Protein backbone atom coordinates (compact mmCIF):
# COMPACT_ATOMS: atom_id res chain seq x y z
CA UNK A 1 0.00 0.00 0.00
CA UNK A 2 2.72 2.45 0.92
CA UNK A 3 4.60 1.93 -2.32
CA UNK A 4 1.72 1.01 -4.65
CA UNK A 5 4.12 -1.74 -5.72
CA UNK A 6 5.50 -4.99 -4.35
CA UNK A 7 8.75 -3.34 -3.22
CA UNK A 8 10.05 0.18 -2.62
CA UNK A 9 12.40 -0.03 -5.60
CA UNK A 10 9.43 -0.63 -7.92
CA UNK A 11 7.30 2.31 -6.79
CA UNK A 12 6.07 4.82 -9.33
CA UNK A 13 4.89 7.17 -6.57
CA UNK A 14 6.53 10.50 -5.84
CA UNK A 15 9.37 9.64 -3.45
CA UNK A 16 8.78 12.72 -1.29
CA UNK A 17 5.25 11.46 -0.60
CA UNK A 18 6.50 7.95 0.15
CA UNK A 19 9.17 9.32 2.51
CA UNK A 20 6.64 11.57 4.28
CA UNK A 21 4.24 8.67 4.81
CA UNK A 22 7.01 6.30 5.91
CA UNK A 23 8.28 8.84 8.45
CA UNK A 24 4.74 9.42 9.72
CA UNK A 25 4.18 5.69 10.20
CA UNK A 26 7.53 5.45 11.99
CA UNK A 27 6.72 8.36 14.30
CA UNK A 28 3.32 6.98 15.28
CA UNK A 29 4.63 3.47 15.94
CA UNK A 30 7.76 4.68 17.75
CA UNK A 31 5.78 6.97 20.07
CA UNK A 32 3.38 4.17 20.97
CA UNK A 33 6.22 1.68 21.52
CA UNK A 34 8.06 4.18 23.72
CA UNK A 35 4.93 4.94 25.74
CA UNK A 36 4.40 1.25 26.50
CA UNK A 37 8.15 0.48 26.68
CA UNK A 38 7.77 -2.25 24.06
CA UNK A 39 10.49 -1.85 21.43
CA UNK A 40 9.25 -4.99 19.65
CA UNK A 41 6.29 -3.01 18.38
CA UNK A 42 8.69 -1.14 16.08
CA UNK A 43 9.02 -4.34 14.01
CA UNK A 44 5.84 -3.36 12.20
CA UNK A 45 7.22 -0.11 10.84
CA UNK A 46 10.42 -1.74 9.61
CA UNK A 47 8.43 -4.46 7.85
CA UNK A 48 6.12 -1.91 6.23
CA UNK A 49 8.40 1.05 5.53
CA UNK A 50 11.95 -0.08 6.27
CA UNK A 51 13.36 0.24 2.78
CA UNK A 52 11.90 3.71 2.30
CA UNK A 53 13.20 4.83 5.70
CA UNK A 54 16.70 3.52 4.97
CA UNK A 55 16.71 5.18 1.54
CA UNK A 56 15.46 8.44 3.06
CA UNK A 57 18.14 8.33 5.77
CA UNK A 58 20.86 7.70 3.19
CA UNK A 59 19.71 10.67 1.11
CA UNK A 60 19.45 12.99 4.11
CA UNK A 61 22.83 12.24 5.68
CA UNK A 62 26.08 13.67 4.45
CA UNK A 63 29.20 11.69 3.72
CA UNK A 64 30.05 8.59 1.78
CA UNK A 65 27.58 5.75 1.53
CA UNK A 66 27.95 2.09 0.75
CA UNK A 67 25.30 -0.11 -0.79
CA UNK A 68 25.37 -3.70 0.38
CA UNK A 69 23.12 -6.65 -0.33
CA UNK A 70 20.43 -7.15 2.30
CA UNK A 71 21.96 -10.48 3.32
CA UNK A 72 25.26 -8.76 4.15
CA UNK A 73 23.48 -6.11 6.22
CA UNK A 74 21.57 -8.80 8.12
CA UNK A 75 24.76 -10.72 8.84
CA UNK A 76 26.44 -7.55 10.13
CA UNK A 77 23.46 -6.79 12.34
CA UNK A 78 23.47 -10.33 13.77
CA UNK A 79 27.19 -10.13 14.55
CA UNK A 80 26.76 -6.74 16.17
CA UNK A 81 24.02 -8.03 18.52
CA UNK A 82 26.31 -10.70 19.98
PDB file of N, CA and C in Angstrom:
ATOM      1  N   UNK A   1       0.815  -1.196   0.000  1.00  0.00           N
ATOM      2  CA  UNK A   1       0.000   0.000   0.000  1.00  0.00           C
ATOM      3  C   UNK A   1       0.859   1.261   0.000  1.00  0.00           C
ATOM      4  N   UNK A   2       1.874   1.266   0.819  1.00  0.00           N
ATOM      5  CA  UNK A   2       2.721   2.455   0.915  1.00  0.00           C
ATOM      6  C   UNK A   2       3.394   2.760  -0.416  1.00  0.00           C
ATOM      7  N   UNK A   3       3.851   1.729  -1.087  1.00  0.00           N
ATOM      8  CA  UNK A   3       4.599   1.931  -2.325  1.00  0.00           C
ATOM      9  C   UNK A   3       3.738   1.844  -3.583  1.00  0.00           C
ATOM     10  N   UNK A   4       2.533   1.334  -3.469  1.00  0.00           N
ATOM     11  CA  UNK A   4       1.718   1.011  -4.648  1.00  0.00           C
ATOM     12  C   UNK A   4       2.483   0.077  -5.581  1.00  0.00           C
ATOM     13  N   UNK A   5       3.318  -0.765  -4.986  1.00  0.00           N
ATOM     14  CA  UNK A   5       4.124  -1.744  -5.719  1.00  0.00           C
ATOM     15  C   UNK A   5       4.537  -2.820  -4.720  1.00  0.00           C
ATOM     16  N   UNK A   6       5.079  -3.905  -5.229  1.00  0.00           N
ATOM     17  CA  UNK A   6       5.497  -4.994  -4.347  1.00  0.00           C
ATOM     18  C   UNK A   6       6.663  -4.582  -3.448  1.00  0.00           C
ATOM     19  N   UNK A   7       7.560  -3.764  -3.957  1.00  0.00           N
ATOM     20  CA  UNK A   7       8.749  -3.336  -3.216  1.00  0.00           C
ATOM     21  C   UNK A   7       8.995  -1.848  -3.433  1.00  0.00           C
ATOM     22  N   UNK A   8       9.733  -1.251  -2.534  1.00  0.00           N
ATOM     23  CA  UNK A   8      10.053   0.175  -2.625  1.00  0.00           C
ATOM     24  C   UNK A   8      10.713   0.519  -3.958  1.00  0.00           C
ATOM     25  N   UNK A   9      11.653  -0.312  -4.377  1.00  0.00           N
ATOM     26  CA  UNK A   9      12.403  -0.033  -5.604  1.00  0.00           C
ATOM     27  C   UNK A   9      11.524  -0.008  -6.850  1.00  0.00           C
ATOM     28  N   UNK A  10      10.326  -0.560  -6.768  1.00  0.00           N
ATOM     29  CA  UNK A  10       9.427  -0.626  -7.921  1.00  0.00           C
ATOM     30  C   UNK A  10       8.371   0.477  -7.917  1.00  0.00           C
ATOM     31  N   UNK A  11       8.357   1.317  -6.902  1.00  0.00           N
ATOM     32  CA  UNK A  11       7.300   2.313  -6.790  1.00  0.00           C
ATOM     33  C   UNK A  11       7.361   3.342  -7.910  1.00  0.00           C
ATOM     34  N   UNK A  12       6.195   3.744  -8.346  1.00  0.00           N
ATOM     35  CA  UNK A  12       6.069   4.821  -9.327  1.00  0.00           C
ATOM     36  C   UNK A  12       5.608   6.108  -8.644  1.00  0.00           C
ATOM     37  N   UNK A  13       5.373   6.019  -7.339  1.00  0.00           N
ATOM     38  CA  UNK A  13       4.892   7.172  -6.575  1.00  0.00           C
ATOM     39  C   UNK A  13       5.999   8.205  -6.415  1.00  0.00           C
ATOM     40  N   UNK A  14       5.599   9.426  -6.149  1.00  0.00           N
ATOM     41  CA  UNK A  14       6.532  10.498  -5.835  1.00  0.00           C
ATOM     42  C   UNK A  14       7.270  10.117  -4.556  1.00  0.00           C
ATOM     43  N   UNK A  15       8.600  10.102  -4.602  1.00  0.00           N
ATOM     44  CA  UNK A  15       9.368   9.643  -3.447  1.00  0.00           C
ATOM     45  C   UNK A  15       9.203  10.544  -2.232  1.00  0.00           C
ATOM     46  N   UNK A  16       9.008  11.834  -2.437  1.00  0.00           N
ATOM     47  CA  UNK A  16       8.782  12.722  -1.294  1.00  0.00           C
ATOM     48  C   UNK A  16       7.529  12.308  -0.528  1.00  0.00           C
ATOM     49  N   UNK A  17       6.484  11.920  -1.250  1.00  0.00           N
ATOM     50  CA  UNK A  17       5.253  11.462  -0.597  1.00  0.00           C
ATOM     51  C   UNK A  17       5.482  10.145   0.143  1.00  0.00           C
ATOM     52  N   UNK A  18       6.205   9.237  -0.486  1.00  0.00           N
ATOM     53  CA  UNK A  18       6.503   7.950   0.153  1.00  0.00           C
ATOM     54  C   UNK A  18       7.315   8.186   1.424  1.00  0.00           C
ATOM     55  N   UNK A  19       8.334   9.043   1.345  1.00  0.00           N
ATOM     56  CA  UNK A  19       9.169   9.323   2.513  1.00  0.00           C
ATOM     57  C   UNK A  19       8.358   9.975   3.624  1.00  0.00           C
ATOM     58  N   UNK A  20       7.491  10.920   3.270  1.00  0.00           N
ATOM     59  CA  UNK A  20       6.644  11.570   4.281  1.00  0.00           C
ATOM     60  C   UNK A  20       5.755  10.549   4.989  1.00  0.00           C
ATOM     61  N   UNK A  21       5.129   9.671   4.220  1.00  0.00           N
ATOM     62  CA  UNK A  21       4.243   8.667   4.812  1.00  0.00           C
ATOM     63  C   UNK A  21       5.025   7.654   5.644  1.00  0.00           C
ATOM     64  N   UNK A  22       6.189   7.245   5.159  1.00  0.00           N
ATOM     65  CA  UNK A  22       7.013   6.295   5.909  1.00  0.00           C
ATOM     66  C   UNK A  22       7.455   6.904   7.240  1.00  0.00           C
ATOM     67  N   UNK A  23       7.861   8.166   7.220  1.00  0.00           N
ATOM     68  CA  UNK A  23       8.282   8.840   8.451  1.00  0.00           C
ATOM     69  C   UNK A  23       7.109   9.020   9.412  1.00  0.00           C
ATOM     70  N   UNK A  24       5.934   9.286   8.882  1.00  0.00           N
ATOM     71  CA  UNK A  24       4.741   9.420   9.724  1.00  0.00           C
ATOM     72  C   UNK A  24       4.409   8.091  10.396  1.00  0.00           C
ATOM     73  N   UNK A  25       4.440   7.017   9.631  1.00  0.00           N
ATOM     74  CA  UNK A  25       4.184   5.688  10.198  1.00  0.00           C
ATOM     75  C   UNK A  25       5.209   5.395  11.287  1.00  0.00           C
ATOM     76  N   UNK A  26       6.473   5.683  11.001  1.00  0.00           N
ATOM     77  CA  UNK A  26       7.532   5.446  11.988  1.00  0.00           C
ATOM     78  C   UNK A  26       7.266   6.228  13.272  1.00  0.00           C
ATOM     79  N   UNK A  27       6.943   7.507  13.131  1.00  0.00           N
ATOM     80  CA  UNK A  27       6.724   8.361  14.303  1.00  0.00           C
ATOM     81  C   UNK A  27       5.579   7.847  15.173  1.00  0.00           C
ATOM     82  N   UNK A  28       4.488   7.480  14.539  1.00  0.00           N
ATOM     83  CA  UNK A  28       3.324   6.981  15.284  1.00  0.00           C
ATOM     84  C   UNK A  28       3.672   5.690  16.027  1.00  0.00           C
ATOM     85  N   UNK A  29       4.293   4.752  15.331  1.00  0.00           N
ATOM     86  CA  UNK A  29       4.630   3.465  15.941  1.00  0.00           C
ATOM     87  C   UNK A  29       5.683   3.643  17.035  1.00  0.00           C
ATOM     88  N   UNK A  30       6.697   4.467  16.768  1.00  0.00           N
ATOM     89  CA  UNK A  30       7.757   4.682  17.753  1.00  0.00           C
ATOM     90  C   UNK A  30       7.204   5.301  19.033  1.00  0.00           C
ATOM     91  N   UNK A  31       6.353   6.316  18.883  1.00  0.00           N
ATOM     92  CA  UNK A  31       5.780   6.969  20.069  1.00  0.00           C
ATOM     93  C   UNK A  31       4.960   5.984  20.903  1.00  0.00           C
ATOM     94  N   UNK A  32       4.190   5.149  20.239  1.00  0.00           N
ATOM     95  CA  UNK A  32       3.377   4.169  20.967  1.00  0.00           C
ATOM     96  C   UNK A  32       4.271   3.128  21.641  1.00  0.00           C
ATOM     97  N   UNK A  33       5.293   2.662  20.941  1.00  0.00           N
ATOM     98  CA  UNK A  33       6.216   1.679  21.518  1.00  0.00           C
ATOM     99  C   UNK A  33       6.949   2.270  22.719  1.00  0.00           C
ATOM    100  N   UNK A  34       7.361   3.523  22.611  1.00  0.00           N
ATOM    101  CA  UNK A  34       8.062   4.179  23.719  1.00  0.00           C
ATOM    102  C   UNK A  34       7.138   4.355  24.919  1.00  0.00           C
ATOM    103  N   UNK A  35       5.902   4.723  24.659  1.00  0.00           N
ATOM    104  CA  UNK A  35       4.935   4.936  25.736  1.00  0.00           C
ATOM    105  C   UNK A  35       4.713   3.653  26.540  1.00  0.00           C
ATOM    106  N   UNK A  36       4.646   2.527  25.839  1.00  0.00           N
ATOM    107  CA  UNK A  36       4.403   1.249  26.503  1.00  0.00           C
ATOM    108  C   UNK A  36       5.694   0.484  26.812  1.00  0.00           C
ATOM    109  N   UNK A  37       6.834   1.102  26.465  1.00  0.00           N
ATOM    110  CA  UNK A  37       8.151   0.477  26.682  1.00  0.00           C
ATOM    111  C   UNK A  37       8.220  -0.912  26.057  1.00  0.00           C
ATOM    112  N   UNK A  38       7.776  -0.982  24.803  1.00  0.00           N
ATOM    113  CA  UNK A  38       7.771  -2.247  24.062  1.00  0.00           C
ATOM    114  C   UNK A  38       8.426  -2.015  22.700  1.00  0.00           C
ATOM    115  N   UNK A  39       9.752  -2.104  22.665  1.00  0.00           N
ATOM    116  CA  UNK A  39      10.494  -1.855  21.431  1.00  0.00           C
ATOM    117  C   UNK A  39      10.100  -2.814  20.314  1.00  0.00           C
ATOM    118  N   UNK A  40       9.647  -4.007  20.654  1.00  0.00           N
ATOM    119  CA  UNK A  40       9.249  -4.990  19.650  1.00  0.00           C
ATOM    120  C   UNK A  40       8.138  -4.510  18.739  1.00  0.00           C
ATOM    121  N   UNK A  41       7.372  -3.545  19.212  1.00  0.00           N
ATOM    122  CA  UNK A  41       6.288  -3.010  18.375  1.00  0.00           C
ATOM    123  C   UNK A  41       6.824  -2.253  17.161  1.00  0.00           C
ATOM    124  N   UNK A  42       8.092  -1.857  17.211  1.00  0.00           N
ATOM    125  CA  UNK A  42       8.690  -1.143  16.080  1.00  0.00           C
ATOM    126  C   UNK A  42       8.937  -2.072  14.893  1.00  0.00           C
ATOM    127  N   UNK A  43       8.874  -3.385  15.112  1.00  0.00           N
ATOM    128  CA  UNK A  43       9.022  -4.340  14.012  1.00  0.00           C
ATOM    129  C   UNK A  43       8.071  -4.025  12.873  1.00  0.00           C
ATOM    130  N   UNK A  44       6.858  -3.655  13.212  1.00  0.00           N
ATOM    131  CA  UNK A  44       5.836  -3.363  12.204  1.00  0.00           C
ATOM    132  C   UNK A  44       6.321  -2.311  11.217  1.00  0.00           C
ATOM    133  N   UNK A  45       6.830  -1.208  11.736  1.00  0.00           N
ATOM    134  CA  UNK A  45       7.223  -0.114  10.845  1.00  0.00           C
ATOM    135  C   UNK A  45       8.382  -0.523   9.942  1.00  0.00           C
ATOM    136  N   UNK A  46       9.298  -1.330  10.452  1.00  0.00           N
ATOM    137  CA  UNK A  46      10.420  -1.744   9.614  1.00  0.00           C
ATOM    138  C   UNK A  46       9.971  -2.742   8.554  1.00  0.00           C
ATOM    139  N   UNK A  47       8.973  -3.551   8.858  1.00  0.00           N
ATOM    140  CA  UNK A  47       8.425  -4.463   7.852  1.00  0.00           C
ATOM    141  C   UNK A  47       7.659  -3.709   6.778  1.00  0.00           C
ATOM    142  N   UNK A  48       6.967  -2.656   7.158  1.00  0.00           N
ATOM    143  CA  UNK A  48       6.123  -1.908   6.226  1.00  0.00           C
ATOM    144  C   UNK A  48       6.911  -0.854   5.454  1.00  0.00           C
ATOM    145  N   UNK A  49       7.768  -0.121   6.142  1.00  0.00           N
ATOM    146  CA  UNK A  49       8.396   1.053   5.530  1.00  0.00           C
ATOM    147  C   UNK A  49       9.913   1.069   5.635  1.00  0.00           C
ATOM    148  N   UNK A  50      10.513  -0.039   6.023  1.00  0.00           N
ATOM    149  CA  UNK A  50      11.951  -0.079   6.269  1.00  0.00           C
ATOM    150  C   UNK A  50      12.816   0.360   5.106  1.00  0.00           C
ATOM    151  N   UNK A  51      12.518  -0.116   3.934  1.00  0.00           N
ATOM    152  CA  UNK A  51      13.357   0.243   2.778  1.00  0.00           C
ATOM    153  C   UNK A  51      13.251   1.724   2.455  1.00  0.00           C
ATOM    154  N   UNK A  52      12.065   2.275   2.552  1.00  0.00           N
ATOM    155  CA  UNK A  52      11.895   3.708   2.301  1.00  0.00           C
ATOM    156  C   UNK A  52      12.621   4.520   3.364  1.00  0.00           C
ATOM    157  N   UNK A  53      12.527   4.105   4.622  1.00  0.00           N
ATOM    158  CA  UNK A  53      13.198   4.825   5.702  1.00  0.00           C
ATOM    159  C   UNK A  53      14.717   4.781   5.538  1.00  0.00           C
ATOM    160  N   UNK A  54      15.254   3.636   5.177  1.00  0.00           N
ATOM    161  CA  UNK A  54      16.700   3.524   4.967  1.00  0.00           C
ATOM    162  C   UNK A  54      17.155   4.382   3.792  1.00  0.00           C
ATOM    163  N   UNK A  55      16.391   4.364   2.721  1.00  0.00           N
ATOM    164  CA  UNK A  55      16.708   5.176   1.544  1.00  0.00           C
ATOM    165  C   UNK A  55      16.650   6.663   1.905  1.00  0.00           C
ATOM    166  N   UNK A  56      15.621   7.053   2.622  1.00  0.00           N
ATOM    167  CA  UNK A  56      15.464   8.440   3.064  1.00  0.00           C
ATOM    168  C   UNK A  56      16.652   8.860   3.930  1.00  0.00           C
ATOM    169  N   UNK A  57      17.021   8.023   4.882  1.00  0.00           N
ATOM    170  CA  UNK A  57      18.145   8.329   5.768  1.00  0.00           C
ATOM    171  C   UNK A  57      19.435   8.496   4.970  1.00  0.00           C
ATOM    172  N   UNK A  58      19.653   7.615   4.009  1.00  0.00           N
ATOM    173  CA  UNK A  58      20.861   7.696   3.186  1.00  0.00           C
ATOM    174  C   UNK A  58      20.902   8.994   2.388  1.00  0.00           C
ATOM    175  N   UNK A  59      19.765   9.423   1.881  1.00  0.00           N
ATOM    176  CA  UNK A  59      19.714  10.669   1.112  1.00  0.00           C
ATOM    177  C   UNK A  59      19.907  11.899   1.993  1.00  0.00           C
ATOM    178  N   UNK A  60      19.425  11.828   3.222  1.00  0.00           N
ATOM    179  CA  UNK A  60      19.448  12.990   4.111  1.00  0.00           C
ATOM    180  C   UNK A  60      20.753  13.155   4.886  1.00  0.00           C
ATOM    181  N   UNK A  61      21.581  12.132   4.932  1.00  0.00           N
ATOM    182  CA  UNK A  61      22.830  12.239   5.679  1.00  0.00           C
ATOM    183  C   UNK A  61      23.977  12.550   4.735  1.00  0.00           C
ATOM    184  N   UNK A  62      24.914  13.305   5.256  1.00  0.00           N
ATOM    185  CA  UNK A  62      26.077  13.668   4.452  1.00  0.00           C
ATOM    186  C   UNK A  62      27.141  12.593   4.575  1.00  0.00           C
ATOM    187  N   UNK A  63      28.090  12.631   3.670  1.00  0.00           N
ATOM    188  CA  UNK A  63      29.197  11.685   3.723  1.00  0.00           C
ATOM    189  C   UNK A  63      29.025  10.548   2.740  1.00  0.00           C
ATOM    190  N   UNK A  64      30.048   9.725   2.693  1.00  0.00           N
ATOM    191  CA  UNK A  64      30.047   8.587   1.783  1.00  0.00           C
ATOM    192  C   UNK A  64      29.046   7.532   2.229  1.00  0.00           C
ATOM    193  N   UNK A  65      28.533   6.824   1.263  1.00  0.00           N
ATOM    194  CA  UNK A  65      27.580   5.753   1.527  1.00  0.00           C
ATOM    195  C   UNK A  65      28.028   4.489   0.808  1.00  0.00           C
ATOM    196  N   UNK A  66      27.627   3.371   1.352  1.00  0.00           N
ATOM    197  CA  UNK A  66      27.953   2.085   0.754  1.00  0.00           C
ATOM    198  C   UNK A  66      26.665   1.294   0.602  1.00  0.00           C
ATOM    199  N   UNK A  67      26.443   0.774  -0.573  1.00  0.00           N
ATOM    200  CA  UNK A  67      25.299  -0.109  -0.792  1.00  0.00           C
ATOM    201  C   UNK A  67      25.770  -1.544  -0.621  1.00  0.00           C
ATOM    202  N   UNK A  68      25.038  -2.294   0.174  1.00  0.00           N
ATOM    203  CA  UNK A  68      25.375  -3.705   0.379  1.00  0.00           C
ATOM    204  C   UNK A  68      24.115  -4.535   0.188  1.00  0.00           C
ATOM    205  N   UNK A  69      24.287  -5.773  -0.231  1.00  0.00           N
ATOM    206  CA  UNK A  69      23.119  -6.647  -0.328  1.00  0.00           C
ATOM    207  C   UNK A  69      22.467  -6.810   1.044  1.00  0.00           C
ATOM    208  N   UNK A  70      21.176  -7.017   1.053  1.00  0.00           N
ATOM    209  CA  UNK A  70      20.427  -7.152   2.299  1.00  0.00           C
ATOM    210  C   UNK A  70      20.974  -8.284   3.163  1.00  0.00           C
ATOM    211  N   UNK A  71      21.416  -9.360   2.545  1.00  0.00           N
ATOM    212  CA  UNK A  71      21.962 -10.480   3.323  1.00  0.00           C
ATOM    213  C   UNK A  71      23.222 -10.067   4.082  1.00  0.00           C
ATOM    214  N   UNK A  72      24.043  -9.245   3.479  1.00  0.00           N
ATOM    215  CA  UNK A  72      25.256  -8.762   4.149  1.00  0.00           C
ATOM    216  C   UNK A  72      24.878  -7.879   5.333  1.00  0.00           C
ATOM    217  N   UNK A  73      23.927  -6.983   5.132  1.00  0.00           N
ATOM    218  CA  UNK A  73      23.479  -6.107   6.221  1.00  0.00           C
ATOM    219  C   UNK A  73      22.904  -6.925   7.373  1.00  0.00           C
ATOM    220  N   UNK A  74      22.142  -7.940   7.062  1.00  0.00           N
ATOM    221  CA  UNK A  74      21.566  -8.798   8.116  1.00  0.00           C
ATOM    222  C   UNK A  74      22.664  -9.518   8.894  1.00  0.00           C
ATOM    223  N   UNK A  75      23.654 -10.031   8.173  1.00  0.00           N
ATOM    224  CA  UNK A  75      24.760 -10.718   8.843  1.00  0.00           C
ATOM    225  C   UNK A  75      25.527  -9.764   9.753  1.00  0.00           C
ATOM    226  N   UNK A  76      25.751  -8.547   9.298  1.00  0.00           N
ATOM    227  CA  UNK A  76      26.436  -7.555  10.128  1.00  0.00           C
ATOM    228  C   UNK A  76      25.618  -7.234  11.373  1.00  0.00           C
ATOM    229  N   UNK A  77      24.325  -7.102  11.202  1.00  0.00           N
ATOM    230  CA  UNK A  77      23.457  -6.793  12.341  1.00  0.00           C
ATOM    231  C   UNK A  77      23.462  -7.938  13.350  1.00  0.00           C
ATOM    232  N   UNK A  78      23.444  -9.167  12.867  1.00  0.00           N
ATOM    233  CA  UNK A  78      23.472 -10.326  13.770  1.00  0.00           C
ATOM    234  C   UNK A  78      24.775 -10.358  14.563  1.00  0.00           C
ATOM    235  N   UNK A  79      25.890 -10.115  13.879  1.00  0.00           N
ATOM    236  CA  UNK A  79      27.190 -10.134  14.551  1.00  0.00           C
ATOM    237  C   UNK A  79      27.288  -9.013  15.578  1.00  0.00           C
ATOM    238  N   UNK A  80      26.691  -7.889  15.265  1.00  0.00           N
ATOM    239  CA  UNK A  80      26.755  -6.743  16.169  1.00  0.00           C
ATOM    240  C   UNK A  80      25.956  -6.992  17.451  1.00  0.00           C
ATOM    241  N   UNK A  81      24.869  -7.746  17.363  1.00  0.00           N
ATOM    242  CA  UNK A  81      24.020  -8.031  18.521  1.00  0.00           C
ATOM    243  C   UNK A  81      24.690  -8.959  19.525  1.00  0.00           C
ATOM    244  N   UNK A  82      25.653  -9.719  19.090  1.00  0.00           N
ATOM    245  CA  UNK A  82      26.306 -10.703  19.978  1.00  0.00           C
ATOM    246  C   UNK A  82      27.163 -10.040  21.009  1.00  0.00           C
TER     247      UNK A  82
END
